[in-house]
Amino acid sequence: MPSPTPRTQLRRYPVRGSHDRDVVNAILDEGMVCHVGFVADGQPYVIPTAYGRSGDRLFLHGSAASRMLLHLGGGLPVCVTVTLLDGLVLARSSFNNSMNYRSAVILGVAQAVAEPGAKLAALRVISEHLAPGRWEAEREPSEQEMAATLVLELPIAEFSVKRRGGPPVDAPADLDRPIWAGVVPLSLQPGAPVADERTPPGLQPWAWPARRG
């Protein structure tokens, strides 16, 4: 298990923290959107984006004209976060309201993936993370589309995880207060697939992967 660095050492509620690679991988594999923090020309930015994981590498992609990717492709430090919200924790006092969650923070330096084969493989990782099983049926990116797309690779080397689970923690003096307290579970759930109007009838819709349900 990787050791925490001074930048990833948890100081508040360290009992909720972890630096276990299996734990961070599980959060990354369940999430679908990450937030990428970086500083460009003295201005901080935090950009939501899709991603995919392969082993101990995280891949990001977007337009080759993207300010975020252009700056990060040059090797700027980056902070990537993924958060899964598992429930609202409603206590008997507003001060003790909380959330059940799992979050991962990854620090490092992202680099552009330039070699065409590696770039295509990274795009497949991202696609299969979001919609497993569709890559083989879809058309692969053309040369023009590949040129218009920038892919970044970030090592999952310096990271931390923080989690909270369970019921509210109320002050003893509040336990007799006549108000409901407990947890309202939350999860990412799919709706019914809606076919594009040009989709031929009889084709089966893409199935939501079980790991997301």
N, C-alpha and C. Protein backbone atom coordinates (compact mmCIF):
# COMPACT_ATOMS: atom_id res chain seq x y z
N MET A 1 0.84 -1.19 0.00
CA MET A 1 0.00 0.00 0.00
C MET A 1 0.88 1.24 0.00
N PRO A 2 0.64 2.19 -0.93
CA PRO A 2 1.47 3.40 -0.97
C PRO A 2 1.40 4.18 0.33
N SER A 3 2.53 4.76 0.70
CA SER A 3 2.57 5.58 1.91
C SER A 3 2.09 6.99 1.59
N PRO A 4 1.41 7.65 2.55
CA PRO A 4 0.99 9.03 2.30
C PRO A 4 2.20 9.95 2.18
N THR A 5 2.05 10.98 1.38
CA THR A 5 3.06 12.02 1.27
C THR A 5 2.62 13.21 2.13
N PRO A 6 3.49 14.18 2.34
CA PRO A 6 3.04 15.37 3.09
C PRO A 6 1.82 16.04 2.47
N ARG A 7 1.66 15.89 1.16
CA ARG A 7 0.51 16.53 0.50
C ARG A 7 -0.76 15.69 0.61
N THR A 8 -0.64 14.40 0.86
CA THR A 8 -1.84 13.55 0.92
C THR A 8 -2.13 13.05 2.33
N GLN A 9 -1.33 13.45 3.30
CA GLN A 9 -1.58 13.07 4.69
C GLN A 9 -2.86 13.75 5.17
N LEU A 10 -3.81 12.95 5.64
CA LEU A 10 -5.09 13.48 6.10
C LEU A 10 -4.96 13.99 7.53
N ARG A 11 -5.43 15.20 7.74
CA ARG A 11 -5.30 15.84 9.06
C ARG A 11 -6.63 15.93 9.80
N ARG A 12 -7.73 16.04 9.07
CA ARG A 12 -9.04 16.11 9.72
C ARG A 12 -9.74 14.77 9.51
N TYR A 13 -10.18 14.16 10.62
CA TYR A 13 -10.78 12.83 10.61
C TYR A 13 -9.91 11.83 9.85
N PRO A 14 -8.66 11.67 10.24
CA PRO A 14 -7.80 10.72 9.52
C PRO A 14 -8.31 9.28 9.58
N VAL A 15 -9.16 8.97 10.58
CA VAL A 15 -9.70 7.63 10.68
C VAL A 15 -10.56 7.29 9.46
N ARG A 16 -11.06 8.30 8.77
CA ARG A 16 -11.87 8.07 7.58
C ARG A 16 -11.01 7.91 6.33
N GLY A 17 -9.72 8.07 6.45
CA GLY A 17 -8.85 8.10 5.29
C GLY A 17 -8.26 6.76 4.94
N SER A 18 -7.72 6.69 3.75
CA SER A 18 -7.04 5.48 3.27
C SER A 18 -6.07 5.87 2.17
N HIS A 19 -5.01 5.09 2.06
CA HIS A 19 -4.08 5.22 0.95
C HIS A 19 -3.91 3.87 0.25
N ASP A 20 -4.97 3.08 0.34
CA ASP A 20 -4.98 1.74 -0.25
C ASP A 20 -5.32 1.83 -1.74
N ARG A 21 -4.49 1.22 -2.57
CA ARG A 21 -4.71 1.32 -4.02
C ARG A 21 -6.01 0.66 -4.45
N ASP A 22 -6.38 -0.46 -3.85
CA ASP A 22 -7.63 -1.12 -4.21
C ASP A 22 -8.83 -0.22 -3.91
N VAL A 23 -8.75 0.55 -2.84
CA VAL A 23 -9.85 1.43 -2.46
C VAL A 23 -9.97 2.57 -3.45
N VAL A 24 -8.86 3.21 -3.80
CA VAL A 24 -8.93 4.31 -4.76
C VAL A 24 -9.37 3.80 -6.13
N ASN A 25 -8.92 2.62 -6.52
CA ASN A 25 -9.34 2.06 -7.80
C ASN A 25 -10.85 1.82 -7.84
N ALA A 26 -11.40 1.31 -6.74
CA ALA A 26 -12.83 1.03 -6.70
C ALA A 26 -13.65 2.32 -6.86
N ILE A 27 -13.19 3.40 -6.25
CA ILE A 27 -13.90 4.68 -6.38
C ILE A 27 -13.80 5.19 -7.81
N LEU A 28 -12.61 5.14 -8.39
CA LEU A 28 -12.42 5.60 -9.76
C LEU A 28 -13.26 4.78 -10.74
N ASP A 29 -13.35 3.48 -10.50
CA ASP A 29 -14.09 2.62 -11.42
C ASP A 29 -15.59 2.82 -11.32
N GLU A 30 -16.07 3.25 -10.19
CA GLU A 30 -17.51 3.49 -10.03
C GLU A 30 -17.92 4.88 -10.50
N GLY A 31 -17.04 5.85 -10.35
CA GLY A 31 -17.36 7.21 -10.76
C GLY A 31 -17.39 7.36 -12.27
N MET A 32 -17.96 8.48 -12.72
CA MET A 32 -18.04 8.73 -14.15
C MET A 32 -17.49 10.11 -14.53
N VAL A 33 -17.44 11.01 -13.57
CA VAL A 33 -16.94 12.37 -13.83
C VAL A 33 -15.90 12.72 -12.78
N CYS A 34 -14.78 13.26 -13.22
CA CYS A 34 -13.78 13.78 -12.29
C CYS A 34 -13.71 15.28 -12.44
N HIS A 35 -13.15 15.94 -11.44
CA HIS A 35 -12.91 17.38 -11.50
C HIS A 35 -11.40 17.59 -11.50
N VAL A 36 -10.94 18.32 -12.49
CA VAL A 36 -9.51 18.54 -12.71
C VAL A 36 -9.17 19.95 -12.29
N GLY A 37 -8.31 20.09 -11.29
CA GLY A 37 -7.89 21.40 -10.82
C GLY A 37 -6.46 21.71 -11.28
N PHE A 38 -6.27 22.94 -11.76
CA PHE A 38 -4.95 23.35 -12.22
C PHE A 38 -4.90 24.88 -12.21
N VAL A 39 -3.70 25.42 -12.36
CA VAL A 39 -3.51 26.87 -12.43
C VAL A 39 -2.90 27.21 -13.77
N ALA A 40 -3.55 28.12 -14.50
CA ALA A 40 -3.04 28.56 -15.80
C ALA A 40 -2.93 30.07 -15.80
N ASP A 41 -1.74 30.57 -16.05
CA ASP A 41 -1.49 32.01 -16.08
C ASP A 41 -1.94 32.69 -14.78
N GLY A 42 -1.70 32.00 -13.66
CA GLY A 42 -2.02 32.57 -12.36
C GLY A 42 -3.47 32.43 -11.95
N GLN A 43 -4.33 31.86 -12.81
CA GLN A 43 -5.75 31.73 -12.51
C GLN A 43 -6.08 30.26 -12.21
N PRO A 44 -6.67 29.96 -11.04
CA PRO A 44 -7.09 28.58 -10.76
C PRO A 44 -8.33 28.21 -11.57
N TYR A 45 -8.38 26.96 -12.03
CA TYR A 45 -9.54 26.41 -12.73
C TYR A 45 -9.84 25.03 -12.17
N VAL A 46 -11.12 24.67 -12.15
CA VAL A 46 -11.54 23.31 -11.82
C VAL A 46 -12.56 22.92 -12.88
N ILE A 47 -12.22 21.89 -13.68
CA ILE A 47 -13.03 21.53 -14.85
C ILE A 47 -13.53 20.09 -14.69
N PRO A 48 -14.86 19.89 -14.82
CA PRO A 48 -15.36 18.51 -14.82
C PRO A 48 -15.10 17.84 -16.16
N THR A 49 -14.74 16.57 -16.12
CA THR A 49 -14.46 15.87 -17.38
C THR A 49 -14.62 14.36 -17.18
N ALA A 50 -14.81 13.66 -18.29
CA ALA A 50 -14.87 12.20 -18.26
C ALA A 50 -13.45 11.65 -18.17
N TYR A 51 -13.35 10.39 -17.76
CA TYR A 51 -12.03 9.79 -17.59
C TYR A 51 -12.15 8.28 -17.71
N GLY A 52 -11.03 7.62 -17.67
CA GLY A 52 -10.97 6.17 -17.63
C GLY A 52 -9.69 5.75 -16.93
N ARG A 53 -9.71 4.57 -16.33
CA ARG A 53 -8.53 4.06 -15.61
C ARG A 53 -8.06 2.76 -16.24
N SER A 54 -6.74 2.63 -16.37
CA SER A 54 -6.12 1.38 -16.77
C SER A 54 -4.95 1.13 -15.84
N GLY A 55 -5.06 0.14 -14.99
CA GLY A 55 -4.00 -0.13 -14.03
C GLY A 55 -3.80 1.06 -13.11
N ASP A 56 -2.57 1.55 -13.06
CA ASP A 56 -2.27 2.69 -12.20
C ASP A 56 -2.15 3.99 -13.00
N ARG A 57 -2.92 4.08 -14.09
CA ARG A 57 -2.91 5.28 -14.92
C ARG A 57 -4.34 5.78 -15.12
N LEU A 58 -4.51 7.08 -15.06
CA LEU A 58 -5.79 7.72 -15.31
C LEU A 58 -5.68 8.48 -16.62
N PHE A 59 -6.68 8.32 -17.48
CA PHE A 59 -6.68 8.99 -18.78
C PHE A 59 -7.80 10.02 -18.84
N LEU A 60 -7.48 11.20 -19.37
CA LEU A 60 -8.43 12.28 -19.61
C LEU A 60 -8.39 12.61 -21.08
N HIS A 61 -9.51 13.11 -21.63
CA HIS A 61 -9.49 13.48 -23.04
C HIS A 61 -10.43 14.64 -23.29
N GLY A 62 -10.21 15.30 -24.42
CA GLY A 62 -11.06 16.42 -24.81
C GLY A 62 -10.54 17.02 -26.10
N SER A 63 -11.09 18.17 -26.44
CA SER A 63 -10.69 18.86 -27.66
C SER A 63 -9.22 19.28 -27.60
N ALA A 64 -8.55 19.18 -28.72
CA ALA A 64 -7.15 19.62 -28.79
C ALA A 64 -7.04 21.12 -28.56
N ALA A 65 -8.16 21.85 -28.67
CA ALA A 65 -8.15 23.29 -28.43
C ALA A 65 -8.53 23.64 -26.99
N SER A 66 -8.77 22.62 -26.17
CA SER A 66 -9.17 22.86 -24.79
C SER A 66 -8.05 23.54 -24.00
N ARG A 67 -8.39 24.63 -23.31
CA ARG A 67 -7.39 25.32 -22.49
C ARG A 67 -6.83 24.39 -21.42
N MET A 68 -7.71 23.61 -20.80
CA MET A 68 -7.25 22.71 -19.75
C MET A 68 -6.23 21.72 -20.30
N LEU A 69 -6.58 21.04 -21.39
CA LEU A 69 -5.70 20.00 -21.89
C LEU A 69 -4.42 20.57 -22.48
N LEU A 70 -4.52 21.73 -23.11
CA LEU A 70 -3.31 22.34 -23.66
C LEU A 70 -2.32 22.70 -22.55
N HIS A 71 -2.82 23.26 -21.46
CA HIS A 71 -1.93 23.61 -20.35
C HIS A 71 -1.38 22.37 -19.66
N LEU A 72 -2.25 21.40 -19.41
CA LEU A 72 -1.80 20.22 -18.69
C LEU A 72 -0.89 19.36 -19.54
N GLY A 73 -1.12 19.35 -20.84
CA GLY A 73 -0.26 18.56 -21.72
C GLY A 73 1.18 19.00 -21.69
N GLY A 74 1.40 20.23 -21.24
CA GLY A 74 2.76 20.73 -21.11
C GLY A 74 3.44 20.31 -19.83
N GLY A 75 2.74 19.56 -18.98
CA GLY A 75 3.36 19.03 -17.77
C GLY A 75 3.10 19.85 -16.52
N LEU A 76 1.99 20.58 -16.46
CA LEU A 76 1.66 21.34 -15.25
C LEU A 76 1.15 20.43 -14.16
N PRO A 77 1.39 20.78 -12.89
CA PRO A 77 0.81 19.99 -11.79
C PRO A 77 -0.72 20.03 -11.86
N VAL A 78 -1.32 18.94 -11.43
CA VAL A 78 -2.77 18.81 -11.51
C VAL A 78 -3.28 18.11 -10.25
N CYS A 79 -4.52 18.43 -9.89
CA CYS A 79 -5.22 17.74 -8.81
C CYS A 79 -6.54 17.23 -9.39
N VAL A 80 -6.74 15.92 -9.35
CA VAL A 80 -7.95 15.30 -9.88
C VAL A 80 -8.74 14.70 -8.72
N THR A 81 -10.04 15.00 -8.67
CA THR A 81 -10.88 14.45 -7.61
C THR A 81 -12.08 13.72 -8.21
N VAL A 82 -12.50 12.67 -7.52
CA VAL A 82 -13.73 11.94 -7.85
C VAL A 82 -14.49 11.73 -6.55
N THR A 83 -15.78 12.07 -6.54
CA THR A 83 -16.59 11.94 -5.34
C THR A 83 -17.85 11.14 -5.66
N LEU A 84 -18.15 10.17 -4.82
CA LEU A 84 -19.39 9.39 -4.90
C LEU A 84 -20.23 9.75 -3.68
N LEU A 85 -21.42 10.28 -3.92
CA LEU A 85 -22.30 10.66 -2.82
C LEU A 85 -23.26 9.51 -2.55
N ASP A 86 -23.14 8.91 -1.36
CA ASP A 86 -23.91 7.72 -1.02
C ASP A 86 -25.15 8.01 -0.20
N GLY A 87 -25.24 9.18 0.42
CA GLY A 87 -26.44 9.45 1.20
C GLY A 87 -26.37 10.78 1.92
N LEU A 88 -27.56 11.33 2.21
CA LEU A 88 -27.67 12.50 3.08
C LEU A 88 -27.85 12.02 4.51
N VAL A 89 -27.05 12.53 5.40
CA VAL A 89 -27.12 12.16 6.82
C VAL A 89 -27.82 13.30 7.55
N LEU A 90 -29.04 13.03 8.00
CA LEU A 90 -29.87 14.06 8.62
C LEU A 90 -29.91 13.83 10.13
N ALA A 91 -29.34 14.77 10.84
CA ALA A 91 -29.24 14.67 12.30
C ALA A 91 -30.37 15.47 12.96
N ARG A 92 -30.33 15.52 14.28
CA ARG A 92 -31.33 16.26 15.04
C ARG A 92 -30.95 17.72 15.22
N SER A 93 -29.77 18.08 14.75
CA SER A 93 -29.34 19.47 14.75
C SER A 93 -28.68 19.75 13.41
N SER A 94 -28.83 20.95 12.90
CA SER A 94 -28.24 21.27 11.60
C SER A 94 -26.73 21.17 11.63
N PHE A 95 -26.12 21.41 12.79
CA PHE A 95 -24.67 21.35 12.90
C PHE A 95 -24.15 19.95 12.60
N ASN A 96 -24.92 18.93 12.97
CA ASN A 96 -24.47 17.54 12.81
C ASN A 96 -24.98 16.88 11.53
N ASN A 97 -25.70 17.63 10.68
CA ASN A 97 -26.04 17.07 9.37
C ASN A 97 -24.75 16.77 8.60
N SER A 98 -24.78 15.74 7.78
CA SER A 98 -23.57 15.36 7.07
C SER A 98 -23.93 14.62 5.79
N MET A 99 -22.95 13.99 5.18
CA MET A 99 -23.13 13.17 3.98
C MET A 99 -22.33 11.89 4.14
N ASN A 100 -22.85 10.81 3.61
CA ASN A 100 -22.06 9.60 3.43
C ASN A 100 -21.47 9.64 2.03
N TYR A 101 -20.18 9.43 1.92
CA TYR A 101 -19.50 9.65 0.65
C TYR A 101 -18.24 8.81 0.58
N ARG A 102 -17.71 8.71 -0.63
CA ARG A 102 -16.38 8.16 -0.88
C ARG A 102 -15.70 9.11 -1.86
N SER A 103 -14.51 9.57 -1.54
CA SER A 103 -13.84 10.52 -2.42
C SER A 103 -12.37 10.14 -2.58
N ALA A 104 -11.86 10.47 -3.75
CA ALA A 104 -10.44 10.22 -4.06
C ALA A 104 -9.82 11.50 -4.58
N VAL A 105 -8.60 11.77 -4.15
CA VAL A 105 -7.83 12.92 -4.61
C VAL A 105 -6.50 12.39 -5.15
N ILE A 106 -6.19 12.75 -6.39
CA ILE A 106 -4.95 12.31 -7.04
C ILE A 106 -4.14 13.54 -7.42
N LEU A 107 -2.88 13.55 -7.03
CA LEU A 107 -1.97 14.65 -7.36
C LEU A 107 -0.89 14.14 -8.31
N GLY A 108 -0.44 15.00 -9.18
CA GLY A 108 0.63 14.58 -10.08
C GLY A 108 0.80 15.55 -11.23
N VAL A 109 1.50 15.08 -12.24
CA VAL A 109 1.75 15.84 -13.45
C VAL A 109 1.25 15.03 -14.64
N ALA A 110 0.29 15.58 -15.38
CA ALA A 110 -0.27 14.89 -16.53
C ALA A 110 0.58 15.15 -17.77
N GLN A 111 0.67 14.13 -18.61
CA GLN A 111 1.43 14.25 -19.85
C GLN A 111 0.55 13.84 -21.03
N ALA A 112 0.75 14.48 -22.17
CA ALA A 112 0.00 14.15 -23.37
C ALA A 112 0.42 12.77 -23.89
N VAL A 113 -0.55 12.01 -24.36
CA VAL A 113 -0.28 10.72 -25.00
C VAL A 113 -0.20 10.99 -26.50
N ALA A 114 0.98 10.89 -27.05
CA ALA A 114 1.20 11.29 -28.44
C ALA A 114 1.21 10.12 -29.41
N GLU A 115 1.77 8.98 -29.03
CA GLU A 115 1.91 7.85 -29.95
C GLU A 115 0.52 7.37 -30.36
N PRO A 116 0.23 7.26 -31.68
CA PRO A 116 -1.13 6.99 -32.14
C PRO A 116 -1.76 5.73 -31.55
N GLY A 117 -1.01 4.63 -31.47
CA GLY A 117 -1.56 3.40 -30.92
C GLY A 117 -1.92 3.54 -29.46
N ALA A 118 -1.03 4.18 -28.68
CA ALA A 118 -1.30 4.39 -27.26
C ALA A 118 -2.47 5.35 -27.06
N LYS A 119 -2.57 6.33 -27.94
CA LYS A 119 -3.66 7.30 -27.85
C LYS A 119 -5.00 6.62 -28.11
N LEU A 120 -5.05 5.79 -29.13
CA LEU A 120 -6.29 5.07 -29.44
C LEU A 120 -6.66 4.12 -28.30
N ALA A 121 -5.66 3.44 -27.73
CA ALA A 121 -5.93 2.54 -26.62
C ALA A 121 -6.47 3.30 -25.41
N ALA A 122 -5.94 4.51 -25.17
CA ALA A 122 -6.43 5.32 -24.05
C ALA A 122 -7.87 5.76 -24.28
N LEU A 123 -8.20 6.12 -25.52
CA LEU A 123 -9.58 6.50 -25.84
C LEU A 123 -10.52 5.33 -25.63
N ARG A 124 -10.06 4.14 -25.95
CA ARG A 124 -10.88 2.95 -25.70
C ARG A 124 -11.10 2.76 -24.21
N VAL A 125 -10.08 2.99 -23.40
CA VAL A 125 -10.22 2.86 -21.95
C VAL A 125 -11.31 3.81 -21.44
N ILE A 126 -11.29 5.05 -21.92
CA ILE A 126 -12.28 6.03 -21.47
C ILE A 126 -13.68 5.61 -21.93
N SER A 127 -13.80 5.21 -23.20
CA SER A 127 -15.09 4.80 -23.74
C SER A 127 -15.66 3.60 -23.00
N GLU A 128 -14.82 2.61 -22.75
CA GLU A 128 -15.28 1.40 -22.08
C GLU A 128 -15.59 1.65 -20.61
N HIS A 129 -14.97 2.65 -20.03
CA HIS A 129 -15.30 3.00 -18.65
C HIS A 129 -16.71 3.57 -18.57
N LEU A 130 -17.07 4.43 -19.53
CA LEU A 130 -18.38 5.07 -19.51
C LEU A 130 -19.48 4.16 -20.05
N ALA A 131 -19.19 3.42 -21.10
CA ALA A 131 -20.20 2.58 -21.75
C ALA A 131 -19.58 1.24 -22.14
N PRO A 132 -19.36 0.36 -21.16
CA PRO A 132 -18.70 -0.92 -21.44
C PRO A 132 -19.42 -1.71 -22.53
N GLY A 133 -18.63 -2.25 -23.45
CA GLY A 133 -19.17 -3.12 -24.48
C GLY A 133 -19.53 -2.44 -25.78
N ARG A 134 -19.45 -1.11 -25.85
CA ARG A 134 -19.87 -0.42 -27.06
C ARG A 134 -18.72 -0.17 -28.05
N TRP A 135 -17.49 -0.17 -27.57
CA TRP A 135 -16.37 0.21 -28.44
C TRP A 135 -16.30 -0.66 -29.69
N GLU A 136 -16.50 -1.96 -29.55
CA GLU A 136 -16.36 -2.87 -30.69
C GLU A 136 -17.41 -2.60 -31.75
N ALA A 137 -18.60 -2.14 -31.35
CA ALA A 137 -19.67 -1.91 -32.32
C ALA A 137 -19.60 -0.53 -32.95
N GLU A 138 -18.95 0.41 -32.28
CA GLU A 138 -18.89 1.78 -32.79
C GLU A 138 -17.74 1.95 -33.78
N ARG A 139 -17.86 2.96 -34.62
CA ARG A 139 -16.76 3.30 -35.53
C ARG A 139 -15.61 3.92 -34.74
N GLU A 140 -14.39 3.49 -35.03
CA GLU A 140 -13.24 4.08 -34.36
C GLU A 140 -13.01 5.50 -34.88
N PRO A 141 -12.34 6.34 -34.11
CA PRO A 141 -12.07 7.71 -34.55
C PRO A 141 -11.26 7.73 -35.85
N SER A 142 -11.60 8.68 -36.70
CA SER A 142 -10.84 8.87 -37.93
C SER A 142 -9.53 9.60 -37.62
N GLU A 143 -8.65 9.70 -38.61
CA GLU A 143 -7.40 10.44 -38.41
C GLU A 143 -7.67 11.89 -38.05
N GLN A 144 -8.66 12.48 -38.73
CA GLN A 144 -9.01 13.87 -38.44
C GLN A 144 -9.55 14.02 -37.02
N GLU A 145 -10.37 13.08 -36.59
CA GLU A 145 -10.91 13.13 -35.24
C GLU A 145 -9.82 12.90 -34.20
N MET A 146 -8.89 12.02 -34.51
CA MET A 146 -7.77 11.79 -33.60
C MET A 146 -6.92 13.05 -33.45
N ALA A 147 -6.71 13.75 -34.57
CA ALA A 147 -5.91 14.96 -34.52
C ALA A 147 -6.60 16.06 -33.73
N ALA A 148 -7.93 16.02 -33.69
CA ALA A 148 -8.70 17.04 -32.97
C ALA A 148 -8.88 16.71 -31.49
N THR A 149 -8.35 15.57 -31.08
CA THR A 149 -8.52 15.10 -29.70
C THR A 149 -7.18 15.03 -29.00
N LEU A 150 -7.15 15.53 -27.78
CA LEU A 150 -5.95 15.44 -26.94
C LEU A 150 -6.24 14.49 -25.79
N VAL A 151 -5.30 13.59 -25.53
CA VAL A 151 -5.43 12.62 -24.44
C VAL A 151 -4.29 12.83 -23.46
N LEU A 152 -4.62 12.87 -22.18
CA LEU A 152 -3.62 13.02 -21.13
C LEU A 152 -3.57 11.78 -20.26
N GLU A 153 -2.38 11.50 -19.77
CA GLU A 153 -2.16 10.37 -18.88
C GLU A 153 -1.62 10.89 -17.55
N LEU A 154 -2.24 10.46 -16.46
CA LEU A 154 -1.83 10.85 -15.12
C LEU A 154 -1.55 9.61 -14.29
N PRO A 155 -0.32 9.44 -13.79
CA PRO A 155 -0.05 8.29 -12.91
C PRO A 155 -0.86 8.39 -11.62
N ILE A 156 -1.41 7.26 -11.20
CA ILE A 156 -2.13 7.21 -9.92
C ILE A 156 -1.10 6.77 -8.87
N ALA A 157 -0.28 7.71 -8.47
CA ALA A 157 0.84 7.41 -7.58
C ALA A 157 0.73 8.13 -6.25
N GLU A 158 0.33 9.39 -6.28
CA GLU A 158 0.21 10.18 -5.05
C GLU A 158 -1.28 10.50 -4.86
N PHE A 159 -1.90 9.83 -3.90
CA PHE A 159 -3.34 9.95 -3.77
C PHE A 159 -3.77 9.71 -2.32
N SER A 160 -5.01 10.10 -2.05
CA SER A 160 -5.64 9.79 -0.77
C SER A 160 -7.12 9.55 -0.99
N VAL A 161 -7.71 8.81 -0.08
CA VAL A 161 -9.14 8.51 -0.11
C VAL A 161 -9.74 8.89 1.23
N LYS A 162 -10.96 9.40 1.18
CA LYS A 162 -11.68 9.69 2.42
C LYS A 162 -13.10 9.19 2.28
N ARG A 163 -13.63 8.61 3.36
CA ARG A 163 -14.97 8.02 3.31
C ARG A 163 -15.72 8.30 4.62
N ARG A 164 -17.04 8.41 4.49
CA ARG A 164 -17.91 8.44 5.66
C ARG A 164 -19.08 7.52 5.40
N GLY A 165 -19.47 6.75 6.40
CA GLY A 165 -20.65 5.91 6.31
C GLY A 165 -21.34 5.85 7.66
N GLY A 166 -22.60 5.45 7.66
CA GLY A 166 -23.30 5.26 8.92
C GLY A 166 -24.28 6.37 9.26
N PRO A 167 -24.89 6.28 10.44
CA PRO A 167 -25.94 7.20 10.85
C PRO A 167 -25.40 8.53 11.34
N PRO A 168 -26.30 9.46 11.64
CA PRO A 168 -25.86 10.74 12.20
C PRO A 168 -25.25 10.56 13.59
N VAL A 169 -24.39 11.49 13.95
CA VAL A 169 -23.79 11.51 15.28
C VAL A 169 -24.32 12.76 15.99
N ASP A 170 -25.29 12.56 16.87
CA ASP A 170 -25.93 13.68 17.57
C ASP A 170 -25.35 13.87 18.96
N ALA A 171 -25.44 15.09 19.43
CA ALA A 171 -25.10 15.37 20.82
C ALA A 171 -26.12 14.70 21.73
N PRO A 172 -25.69 14.16 22.86
CA PRO A 172 -26.64 13.49 23.78
C PRO A 172 -27.84 14.35 24.12
N ALA A 173 -27.66 15.64 24.25
CA ALA A 173 -28.76 16.52 24.63
C ALA A 173 -29.82 16.62 23.54
N ASP A 174 -29.48 16.23 22.30
CA ASP A 174 -30.43 16.35 21.20
C ASP A 174 -31.19 15.06 20.92
N LEU A 175 -30.81 13.96 21.57
CA LEU A 175 -31.38 12.67 21.21
C LEU A 175 -32.88 12.57 21.45
N ASP A 176 -33.42 13.34 22.36
CA ASP A 176 -34.85 13.30 22.63
C ASP A 176 -35.64 14.32 21.82
N ARG A 177 -34.98 15.04 20.94
CA ARG A 177 -35.68 16.04 20.13
C ARG A 177 -36.62 15.32 19.17
N PRO A 178 -37.89 15.74 19.07
CA PRO A 178 -38.89 15.03 18.26
C PRO A 178 -38.78 15.35 16.76
N ILE A 179 -37.72 14.87 16.15
CA ILE A 179 -37.52 15.06 14.71
C ILE A 179 -36.89 13.80 14.15
N TRP A 180 -37.31 13.42 12.92
CA TRP A 180 -36.75 12.23 12.29
C TRP A 180 -35.28 12.45 12.01
N ALA A 181 -34.49 11.41 12.26
CA ALA A 181 -33.06 11.45 11.98
C ALA A 181 -32.66 10.13 11.33
N GLY A 182 -31.70 10.19 10.43
CA GLY A 182 -31.26 8.98 9.77
C GLY A 182 -30.54 9.29 8.47
N VAL A 183 -30.54 8.33 7.55
CA VAL A 183 -29.81 8.46 6.30
C VAL A 183 -30.77 8.31 5.13
N VAL A 184 -30.66 9.21 4.17
CA VAL A 184 -31.40 9.10 2.91
C VAL A 184 -30.40 8.61 1.86
N PRO A 185 -30.47 7.32 1.46
CA PRO A 185 -29.49 6.80 0.50
C PRO A 185 -29.62 7.48 -0.86
N LEU A 186 -28.48 7.67 -1.51
CA LEU A 186 -28.42 8.23 -2.85
C LEU A 186 -27.54 7.34 -3.72
N SER A 187 -27.88 7.24 -4.99
CA SER A 187 -27.05 6.47 -5.91
C SER A 187 -27.33 6.93 -7.34
N LEU A 188 -26.39 6.63 -8.22
CA LEU A 188 -26.55 6.95 -9.63
C LEU A 188 -27.37 5.85 -10.27
N GLN A 189 -28.54 6.20 -10.80
CA GLN A 189 -29.44 5.20 -11.38
C GLN A 189 -29.82 5.59 -12.80
N PRO A 190 -29.91 4.61 -13.71
CA PRO A 190 -30.26 4.93 -15.10
C PRO A 190 -31.76 5.07 -15.29
N GLY A 191 -32.12 5.86 -16.28
CA GLY A 191 -33.50 5.87 -16.74
C GLY A 191 -33.65 4.92 -17.91
N ALA A 192 -34.85 4.86 -18.48
CA ALA A 192 -35.09 4.00 -19.65
C ALA A 192 -34.38 4.59 -20.86
N PRO A 193 -33.66 3.77 -21.64
CA PRO A 193 -32.98 4.27 -22.82
C PRO A 193 -33.96 4.88 -23.83
N VAL A 194 -33.57 6.00 -24.42
CA VAL A 194 -34.38 6.68 -25.43
C VAL A 194 -33.62 6.62 -26.76
N ALA A 195 -34.16 5.90 -27.72
CA ALA A 195 -33.46 5.70 -28.99
C ALA A 195 -33.47 6.98 -29.83
N ASP A 196 -32.36 7.22 -30.53
CA ASP A 196 -32.32 8.26 -31.54
C ASP A 196 -33.37 7.93 -32.60
N GLU A 197 -34.01 8.96 -33.17
CA GLU A 197 -35.12 8.73 -34.11
C GLU A 197 -34.68 8.01 -35.37
N ARG A 198 -33.35 8.02 -35.66
CA ARG A 198 -32.85 7.32 -36.85
C ARG A 198 -32.35 5.92 -36.56
N THR A 199 -32.50 5.46 -35.31
CA THR A 199 -32.08 4.11 -34.96
C THR A 199 -33.09 3.11 -35.52
N PRO A 200 -32.64 2.12 -36.31
CA PRO A 200 -33.58 1.14 -36.86
C PRO A 200 -34.30 0.38 -35.75
N PRO A 201 -35.55 0.07 -35.95
CA PRO A 201 -36.29 -0.69 -34.93
C PRO A 201 -35.71 -2.09 -34.76
N GLY A 202 -35.84 -2.61 -33.56
CA GLY A 202 -35.38 -3.96 -33.28
C GLY A 202 -33.99 -4.05 -32.69
N LEU A 203 -33.23 -2.97 -32.74
CA LEU A 203 -31.90 -2.99 -32.15
C LEU A 203 -32.01 -2.86 -30.63
N GLN A 204 -31.24 -3.67 -29.94
CA GLN A 204 -31.29 -3.65 -28.48
C GLN A 204 -30.54 -2.43 -27.95
N PRO A 205 -31.11 -1.73 -26.96
CA PRO A 205 -30.40 -0.58 -26.38
C PRO A 205 -29.20 -1.03 -25.57
N TRP A 206 -28.29 -0.10 -25.39
CA TRP A 206 -27.14 -0.38 -24.54
C TRP A 206 -27.60 -0.63 -23.12
N ALA A 207 -27.06 -1.63 -22.48
CA ALA A 207 -27.47 -2.02 -21.13
C ALA A 207 -26.58 -1.35 -20.09
N TRP A 208 -27.19 -0.74 -19.09
CA TRP A 208 -26.45 -0.13 -17.97
C TRP A 208 -25.67 -1.20 -17.23
N PRO A 209 -24.37 -1.03 -17.07
CA PRO A 209 -23.56 -2.07 -16.41
C PRO A 209 -23.97 -2.29 -14.97
N ALA A 210 -23.93 -3.54 -14.54
CA ALA A 210 -24.36 -3.88 -13.20
C ALA A 210 -23.55 -3.17 -12.14
N ARG A 211 -22.27 -2.90 -12.41
CA ARG A 211 -21.41 -2.28 -11.39
C ARG A 211 -21.85 -0.88 -11.05
N ARG A 212 -22.68 -0.25 -11.92
CA ARG A 212 -23.14 1.10 -11.64
C ARG A 212 -24.47 1.10 -10.90
N GLY A 213 -25.12 -0.03 -10.79
CA GLY A 213 -26.43 -0.06 -10.15
C GLY A 213 -26.36 -0.35 -8.70
